[in-house]
Each structure stands twice: as C-alpha cells, then as structure tokens.
Amino acid sequence: MGAGVRTVLLDALFLGALIGLASASGTVDPAAQSPSASGTAAQSPEPLDQEECKPDQYGGTFEAERFVGARFQDLPGFTRAVYERDHALITPESRVYASLPGWKNALGAVLVSPSMQGAHFTMTMVQLLEDSEAGRTLKGVERLVFVLNGTITLTEVTGDLGVSGFAYFPADTPGGLLSAGGARMLMFERVYVPPPEDQERPQFQSGVTEELPNVEAPGEVFRLRKLLPSTWAYDFNVYIMDFSPGEHLNVKEVHYNQHGMMLLEGKGIQRLGDKWYPVQAGDAIYMAPFVPQWYAALGDKRTRYILYKDTARDPLLRL
C-alpha cells in the first residue's frame, strides 16, 4: 500500500473517530452543545491553574448524571464498551454492580481484574451507601482509594476525605473507611510484591490531589501528580494527569507496564493498538503490557484522568 493511500486511510479513521465523539457527546451532555445549537458564543477555556476542585467535579463518572439526555432504552443491545486481547474500554452503560464481599452497604463494579489478559490488579468503581463500611483486604493485598463524590472517613487516622482525596493502605493492614452519608470512589487493589533485599516497606498514605506538587515530565505538556512516593517501597503508583484542550501525549508508548485508567473530566481520542476510540468522562480503560497507546484531549474543557501503573519492580517478577 502506498504512503499516500495510508495517509488518506488514517485521516479518514481519525475523522470518523471525531464524528463518533461529537455524536456520543451530544446525546449525553446537552450543556456541551456547539454555539450554533445553543445560541451562545463559544468561550475560551480558562487556564488549568485557575480551575478549582468542585464538590461535583467528577459528576461525569456517575450514571445518573452521565446519561442525561441519553435514551439507551431506544437502542437495544447498544454499548460503546469493547474488549480486546490487549485492551478494554468499559463504558458506564455496561457497568454491572454487585455486593462487595465483607463490605457493609456497598456496591462495586469491577472494571479491571486478573481475568483480563496480563492484568495483576483490580480497578473497581465503588458506591458507598448510607452507613457503609469497607471490608478488610485479602491477605497480602494492598489498596488505594480515590474519592469521586461525597465524603469518606478513615479509621486509620482522624479526618475525612472529600472529592479528589485519596488513601493508600499497605498490605495486611485494616484498610478501614466509613461513609455516613454515602460516597463514590475508585479503588485499586493488588497483591503486594516486596522490594528487593532489605528495602523499606510502604506506609499508610493519604492526601488531596490539589495539594500535591506537579511532577516534571520532560518532553510532555500534561500536568502530572503522583499519589504515592516514587520509592522502592511501592510496587505501583497512581497518577493524576491533566491536559488542556488540544494537548496530547508526545510519546506513542509501548512498554511492559500495564494501566488501569478512568477519565474523570473532559473528552478526547484514545489510541489502543490499531484502534482509535472517542472517550469521555466516566469511561474506564485497561491497557495490557506492550499495547501501543496514545491520548489527545478535545473539546473546550480540560481532560483529567486517573491512571494506575505498576512500578519499581523487575519485569521478571510477575505474579
């Protein structure tokens, strides 16, 4: 196939993805209509450093708000969800909630698990009802939670966590948290892999995303915050990454690390292997080792996503 033909095919593929994204967004978020449809003039997005963390910041990740204007009952069998050998896109209309073993008044939708090719962690959307309480982790399992909505109370320390708050519980610790009024959170769990030789062991961590420093990422334009220390003690990390509209990853990544990701705000195009997916807030993605991956932010608001990454361990140490 000649270079000119390949270029035309790629342009057509990318245009089709853009049209698909515009179509999907128009049915889900009426407030994001174009100026011609809404009758209002387009406004330039504010710089990222002027944006504030609002209590409903991640409302796009919840079903009730995510589906305003959508009529999935008129589309029998329709879903944007995709499962491939080396990646998966799990969209909100396809989440399945069930009781979580050992938890009180809580439901969970498992978005990533070791039943997927190459995965050695779980990523679960957790809905805490009123008067809820987390169960203990399994033996040897560590846990990190990130609050999407509402407030949780940690039993390890005195204090509450609201939107954008997070807590990390090392393996074989209680991992206790409560919610009196209800909350939603994203949870990552995995079997802990000890560091080599006599390195330090991980400690309980908690904080708020906006209070963390931006981490320099040479060659990239996104803003990066890491929820856990970058030391040998921790065998994974969770990143919060922000993109202004039009920004994209510079590196087209192919690596042995695996990812669990959820868009918290915004929309864009996600490349996975040889597929290009329109994605938006609420979409969850699994990326197996060595799947080609790339992201570009679209629209007039920032993209923010949360990303799990296994780190600081020899790739020969596989579970």
Protein backbone atom coordinates (compact mmCIF):
# COMPACT_ATOMS: atom_id res chain seq x y z
CA MET A 1 0.00 0.00 0.00
CA GLY A 2 1.48 3.42 -0.98
CA ALA A 3 2.21 6.16 1.52
CA GLY A 4 -0.48 8.39 0.01
CA VAL A 5 -3.15 5.72 0.43
CA ARG A 6 -2.10 5.05 4.03
CA THR A 7 -2.31 8.78 4.81
CA VAL A 8 -5.82 9.00 3.36
CA LEU A 9 -6.95 5.96 5.37
CA LEU A 10 -5.52 7.33 8.61
CA ASP A 11 -7.15 10.73 8.01
CA ALA A 12 -10.48 9.01 7.37
CA LEU A 13 -10.13 6.90 10.51
CA PHE A 14 -9.34 9.91 12.68
CA LEU A 15 -12.19 11.94 11.17
CA GLY A 16 -14.58 9.07 11.84
CA ALA A 17 -13.46 8.94 15.48
CA LEU A 18 -14.05 12.69 15.83
CA ILE A 19 -17.54 12.38 14.35
CA GLY A 20 -18.29 9.49 16.71
CA LEU A 21 -17.14 11.51 19.72
CA ALA A 22 -19.23 14.52 18.73
CA SER A 23 -22.26 12.28 18.26
CA ALA A 24 -21.78 10.49 21.59
CA SER A 25 -21.20 13.71 23.50
CA GLY A 26 -24.27 15.36 22.00
CA THR A 27 -26.59 12.71 23.42
CA VAL A 28 -25.02 12.58 26.85
CA ASP A 29 -24.18 16.17 27.71
CA PRO A 30 -26.69 18.69 26.31
CA ALA A 31 -24.78 21.53 28.04
CA ALA A 32 -21.79 20.84 25.81
CA GLN A 33 -23.62 21.60 22.53
CA SER A 34 -21.98 23.72 19.87
CA PRO A 35 -22.60 27.52 19.84
CA SER A 36 -24.89 27.19 16.79
CA ALA A 37 -27.09 24.71 18.67
CA SER A 38 -27.21 26.54 21.99
CA GLY A 39 -27.34 30.10 20.69
CA THR A 40 -24.41 31.21 22.86
CA ALA A 41 -20.98 32.33 21.81
CA ALA A 42 -18.03 29.98 22.28
CA GLN A 43 -15.77 30.78 25.21
CA SER A 44 -12.08 30.04 25.56
CA PRO A 45 -11.23 27.58 28.35
CA GLU A 46 -9.65 29.02 31.46
CA PRO A 47 -6.03 28.13 32.21
CA LEU A 48 -5.71 24.97 34.26
CA ASP A 49 -4.20 26.75 37.23
CA GLN A 50 -7.39 28.81 37.61
CA GLU A 51 -9.69 25.81 37.80
CA GLU A 52 -10.92 24.81 41.22
CA CYS A 53 -11.81 21.39 42.58
CA LYS A 54 -15.57 21.49 42.98
CA PRO A 55 -17.68 19.03 45.01
CA ASP A 56 -19.35 17.78 41.80
CA GLN A 57 -16.15 17.85 39.75
CA TYR A 58 -16.36 14.21 38.70
CA GLY A 59 -20.10 14.10 38.10
CA GLY A 60 -19.50 12.79 34.59
CA THR A 61 -18.36 9.46 36.04
CA PHE A 62 -21.75 8.69 37.60
CA GLU A 63 -24.59 7.03 35.75
CA ALA A 64 -27.42 9.38 36.80
CA GLU A 65 -25.63 12.49 35.53
CA ARG A 66 -23.72 10.77 32.74
CA PHE A 67 -26.89 9.65 30.95
CA VAL A 68 -28.85 12.92 30.97
CA GLY A 69 -30.44 13.15 27.53
CA ALA A 70 -29.40 9.63 26.51
CA ARG A 71 -32.08 7.10 25.60
CA PHE A 72 -30.34 3.76 25.72
CA GLN A 73 -33.70 2.05 26.08
CA ASP A 74 -34.32 3.02 22.43
CA LEU A 75 -31.08 1.32 21.36
CA PRO A 76 -31.44 -2.37 22.33
CA GLY A 77 -28.09 -4.06 22.70
CA PHE A 78 -26.07 -0.86 22.15
CA THR A 79 -22.88 -0.18 24.09
CA ARG A 80 -19.60 1.57 23.34
CA ALA A 81 -17.79 -0.99 25.52
CA VAL A 82 -15.08 -3.06 23.81
CA TYR A 83 -12.98 -6.00 24.98
CA GLU A 84 -9.89 -7.00 23.00
CA ARG A 85 -6.95 -9.29 23.72
CA ASP A 86 -4.70 -6.40 24.82
CA HIS A 87 -7.11 -3.68 25.92
CA ALA A 88 -10.64 -2.93 27.06
CA LEU A 89 -12.96 0.08 27.08
CA ILE A 90 -15.65 -0.24 29.77
CA THR A 91 -18.29 2.46 29.38
CA PRO A 92 -20.83 3.46 32.08
CA GLU A 93 -23.85 1.90 30.36
CA SER A 94 -22.19 -1.52 30.68
CA ARG A 95 -21.15 -1.44 34.34
CA VAL A 96 -22.56 -4.23 36.47
CA TYR A 97 -22.76 -3.62 40.23
CA ALA A 98 -22.88 -6.27 42.91
CA SER A 99 -22.33 -6.51 46.65
CA LEU A 100 -18.70 -6.46 47.74
CA PRO A 101 -17.70 -9.40 49.99
CA GLY A 102 -17.15 -8.29 53.56
CA TRP A 103 -18.38 -4.72 52.95
CA LYS A 104 -21.43 -3.16 54.60
CA ASN A 105 -23.95 -1.24 52.47
CA ALA A 106 -21.66 -1.02 49.46
CA LEU A 107 -21.79 -2.00 45.80
CA GLY A 108 -18.96 -2.39 43.34
CA ALA A 109 -18.50 -2.65 39.57
CA VAL A 110 -15.21 -4.40 38.76
CA LEU A 111 -13.73 -2.68 35.69
CA VAL A 112 -10.35 -4.43 35.57
CA SER A 113 -9.33 -7.79 37.05
CA PRO A 114 -6.72 -10.55 36.56
CA SER A 115 -9.24 -12.36 34.35
CA MET A 116 -8.12 -9.90 31.67
CA GLN A 117 -5.04 -10.64 29.61
CA GLY A 118 -1.94 -9.62 31.60
CA ALA A 119 -3.71 -7.83 34.46
CA HIS A 120 -2.45 -8.37 38.00
CA PHE A 121 -4.61 -5.75 39.74
CA THR A 122 -8.26 -4.82 40.13
CA MET A 123 -9.91 -1.46 39.47
CA THR A 124 -13.37 -1.16 40.97
CA MET A 125 -16.00 1.59 40.92
CA VAL A 126 -17.41 1.58 44.47
CA GLN A 127 -20.73 3.03 45.53
CA LEU A 128 -20.92 3.55 49.28
CA LEU A 129 -24.48 3.83 50.52
CA GLU A 130 -25.53 5.50 53.77
CA ASP A 131 -23.94 3.99 56.88
CA SER A 132 -21.45 2.00 54.82
CA GLU A 133 -18.16 0.40 55.82
CA ALA A 134 -15.31 -1.14 53.83
CA GLY A 135 -14.29 -4.72 54.31
CA ARG A 136 -10.73 -5.86 55.02
CA THR A 137 -8.44 -6.66 52.13
CA LEU A 138 -7.41 -10.22 51.40
CA LYS A 139 -4.13 -11.41 52.89
CA GLY A 140 -1.16 -9.76 51.20
CA VAL A 141 -3.32 -7.28 49.24
CA GLU A 142 -2.75 -3.50 49.21
CA ARG A 143 -5.46 -0.94 48.45
CA LEU A 144 -5.72 2.64 47.18
CA VAL A 145 -9.00 4.58 47.04
CA PHE A 146 -9.75 7.87 45.27
CA VAL A 147 -12.91 9.81 46.18
CA LEU A 148 -15.14 10.84 43.28
CA ASN A 149 -18.12 12.16 45.21
CA GLY A 150 -19.26 12.56 48.81
CA THR A 151 -17.13 12.08 51.91
CA ILE A 152 -15.40 9.11 53.49
CA THR A 153 -13.98 8.78 56.99
CA LEU A 154 -10.72 6.93 57.51
CA THR A 155 -10.39 4.70 60.55
CA GLU A 156 -6.56 4.71 60.34
CA VAL A 157 -6.34 8.43 61.11
CA THR A 158 -8.57 11.23 62.33
CA GLY A 159 -10.18 13.11 59.48
CA ASP A 160 -12.41 12.92 56.42
CA LEU A 161 -11.66 12.86 52.70
CA GLY A 162 -13.81 14.55 50.07
CA VAL A 163 -13.59 14.85 46.28
CA SER A 164 -10.05 14.25 44.96
CA GLY A 165 -8.95 12.85 48.32
CA PHE A 166 -7.10 9.55 48.36
CA ALA A 167 -5.80 6.97 50.82
CA TYR A 168 -3.35 4.10 50.45
CA PHE A 169 -3.45 1.07 52.76
CA PRO A 170 -0.39 -1.24 52.77
CA ALA A 171 -0.93 -4.99 52.62
CA ASP A 172 -2.18 -6.71 55.78
CA THR A 173 -3.50 -3.51 57.38
CA PRO A 174 -7.19 -2.97 58.19
CA GLY A 175 -7.81 -0.64 55.25
CA GLY A 176 -10.75 0.78 57.16
CA LEU A 177 -13.07 3.50 55.90
CA LEU A 178 -16.65 4.55 56.56
CA SER A 179 -19.26 6.78 54.95
CA ALA A 180 -22.21 8.07 56.90
CA GLY A 181 -23.93 9.89 54.05
CA GLY A 182 -22.73 7.89 51.05
CA ALA A 183 -19.93 8.38 48.55
CA ARG A 184 -18.45 7.08 45.31
CA MET A 185 -14.82 6.17 44.84
CA LEU A 186 -12.44 4.37 42.53
CA MET A 187 -10.45 1.57 44.17
CA PHE A 188 -7.24 -0.18 43.09
CA GLU A 189 -6.09 -3.42 44.73
CA ARG A 190 -3.23 -5.84 44.04
CA VAL A 191 -1.10 -8.48 45.75
CA TYR A 192 1.93 -6.68 47.13
CA VAL A 193 5.34 -7.61 45.68
CA PRO A 194 8.07 -6.93 48.30
CA PRO A 195 11.07 -4.82 47.26
CA PRO A 196 14.46 -6.42 46.65
CA GLU A 197 16.67 -7.21 49.65
CA ASP A 198 16.18 -5.10 52.77
CA GLN A 199 14.43 -2.05 51.33
CA GLU A 200 11.88 -0.05 53.31
CA ARG A 201 8.24 -1.15 53.36
CA PRO A 202 5.30 1.06 52.34
CA GLN A 203 3.46 3.20 54.85
CA PHE A 204 -0.13 4.42 55.05
CA GLN A 205 -0.63 7.50 52.85
CA SER A 206 -3.49 9.96 52.44
CA GLY A 207 -3.96 13.40 50.97
CA VAL A 208 -5.74 15.63 48.46
CA THR A 209 -4.72 15.77 44.81
CA GLU A 210 -4.64 19.56 44.50
CA GLU A 211 -2.21 19.80 47.41
CA LEU A 212 0.38 17.63 45.65
CA PRO A 213 3.17 19.19 43.57
CA ASN A 214 3.28 18.94 39.80
CA VAL A 215 5.96 16.48 38.66
CA GLU A 216 8.15 17.39 35.70
CA ALA A 217 7.64 15.14 32.65
CA PRO A 218 10.39 16.06 30.14
CA GLY A 219 9.12 16.32 26.58
CA GLU A 220 5.44 16.27 27.61
CA VAL A 221 2.90 19.07 28.09
CA PHE A 222 0.48 17.44 30.55
CA ARG A 223 0.39 18.25 34.27
CA LEU A 224 1.26 15.26 36.43
CA ARG A 225 0.68 14.48 40.10
CA LYS A 226 1.71 11.20 41.73
CA LEU A 227 -0.39 9.98 44.65
CA LEU A 228 2.34 7.73 46.11
CA PRO A 229 6.06 8.25 46.77
CA SER A 230 8.37 7.14 43.95
CA THR A 231 10.47 4.78 46.07
CA TRP A 232 11.31 1.07 46.07
CA ALA A 233 8.78 0.53 48.84
CA TYR A 234 5.79 0.95 46.49
CA ASP A 235 5.20 -1.52 43.67
CA PHE A 236 2.64 0.67 41.90
CA ASN A 237 1.65 4.30 41.64
CA VAL A 238 -1.46 6.21 40.66
CA TYR A 239 -1.12 9.33 38.52
CA ILE A 240 -3.49 12.25 38.02
CA MET A 241 -2.86 13.75 34.58
CA ASP A 242 -4.35 16.99 33.22
CA PHE A 243 -4.45 18.08 29.56
CA SER A 244 -5.67 21.38 28.14
CA PRO A 245 -7.90 21.12 25.04
CA GLY A 246 -5.80 20.23 22.01
CA GLU A 247 -2.88 18.83 24.02
CA HIS A 248 -1.73 15.26 23.52
CA LEU A 249 0.89 12.77 24.56
CA ASN A 250 4.17 13.26 22.75
CA VAL A 251 5.36 9.67 23.11
CA LYS A 252 3.39 6.90 21.40
CA GLU A 253 4.01 4.50 24.27
CA VAL A 254 4.74 0.77 24.07
CA HIS A 255 6.03 -0.68 27.36
CA TYR A 256 5.81 -3.63 29.73
CA ASN A 257 3.81 -1.70 32.35
CA GLN A 258 0.06 -2.16 32.45
CA HIS A 259 -2.52 0.54 33.10
CA GLY A 260 -5.98 0.96 34.54
CA MET A 261 -7.41 4.36 33.65
CA MET A 262 -10.61 6.35 34.08
CA LEU A 263 -11.45 9.72 32.55
CA LEU A 264 -12.61 12.00 35.34
CA GLU A 265 -13.23 15.10 33.21
CA GLY A 266 -13.27 16.04 29.55
CA LYS A 267 -13.16 14.02 26.36
CA GLY A 268 -10.72 13.03 23.67
CA ILE A 269 -9.30 10.33 21.42
CA GLN A 270 -7.57 7.27 22.89
CA ARG A 271 -5.44 5.04 20.71
CA LEU A 272 -5.18 1.40 21.81
CA GLY A 273 -3.32 -0.92 19.46
CA ASP A 274 -4.57 -0.16 15.96
CA LYS A 275 -7.95 1.17 17.23
CA TRP A 276 -8.95 4.80 17.87
CA TYR A 277 -11.70 5.37 20.45
CA PRO A 278 -13.72 8.51 21.23
CA VAL A 279 -13.74 8.65 25.05
CA GLN A 280 -15.20 10.93 27.69
CA ALA A 281 -15.67 11.31 31.44
CA GLY A 282 -16.79 8.05 33.04
CA ASP A 283 -15.05 5.77 30.54
CA ALA A 284 -12.67 3.18 32.03
CA ILE A 285 -9.77 1.68 30.07
CA TYR A 286 -7.48 -1.29 30.59
CA MET A 287 -4.13 -1.34 28.76
CA ALA A 288 -2.23 -4.64 28.76
CA PRO A 289 1.58 -4.74 28.59
CA PHE A 290 3.02 -3.59 25.26
CA VAL A 291 -0.22 -2.35 23.71
CA PRO A 292 0.51 0.84 21.70
CA GLN A 293 -1.20 3.76 23.42
CA TRP A 294 -1.71 7.49 22.91
CA TYR A 295 -4.19 10.19 24.00
CA ALA A 296 -5.30 13.59 22.69
CA ALA A 297 -7.68 15.97 24.52
CA LEU A 298 -10.58 17.52 22.59
CA GLY A 299 -13.43 19.90 23.41
CA ASP A 300 -13.26 23.18 25.31
CA LYS A 301 -12.55 21.88 28.82
CA ARG A 302 -9.55 20.17 30.30
CA THR A 303 -9.12 16.42 30.38
CA ARG A 304 -8.27 14.86 33.72
CA TYR A 305 -7.69 11.16 34.08
CA ILE A 306 -6.52 8.84 36.82
CA LEU A 307 -4.02 6.15 35.83
CA TYR A 308 -2.71 3.03 37.60
CA LYS A 309 0.85 1.96 36.73
CA ASP A 310 2.97 -0.86 38.13
CA THR A 311 6.42 0.49 39.07
CA ALA A 312 9.74 -0.16 40.81
CA ARG A 313 9.86 -3.92 40.24
CA ASP A 314 11.89 -6.07 37.88
CA PRO A 315 9.67 -7.17 34.96
CA LEU A 316 10.75 -10.77 35.65
CA LEU A 317 8.83 -10.60 38.95
CA ARG A 318 5.41 -11.42 37.52
CA LEU A 319 2.57 -12.75 39.61
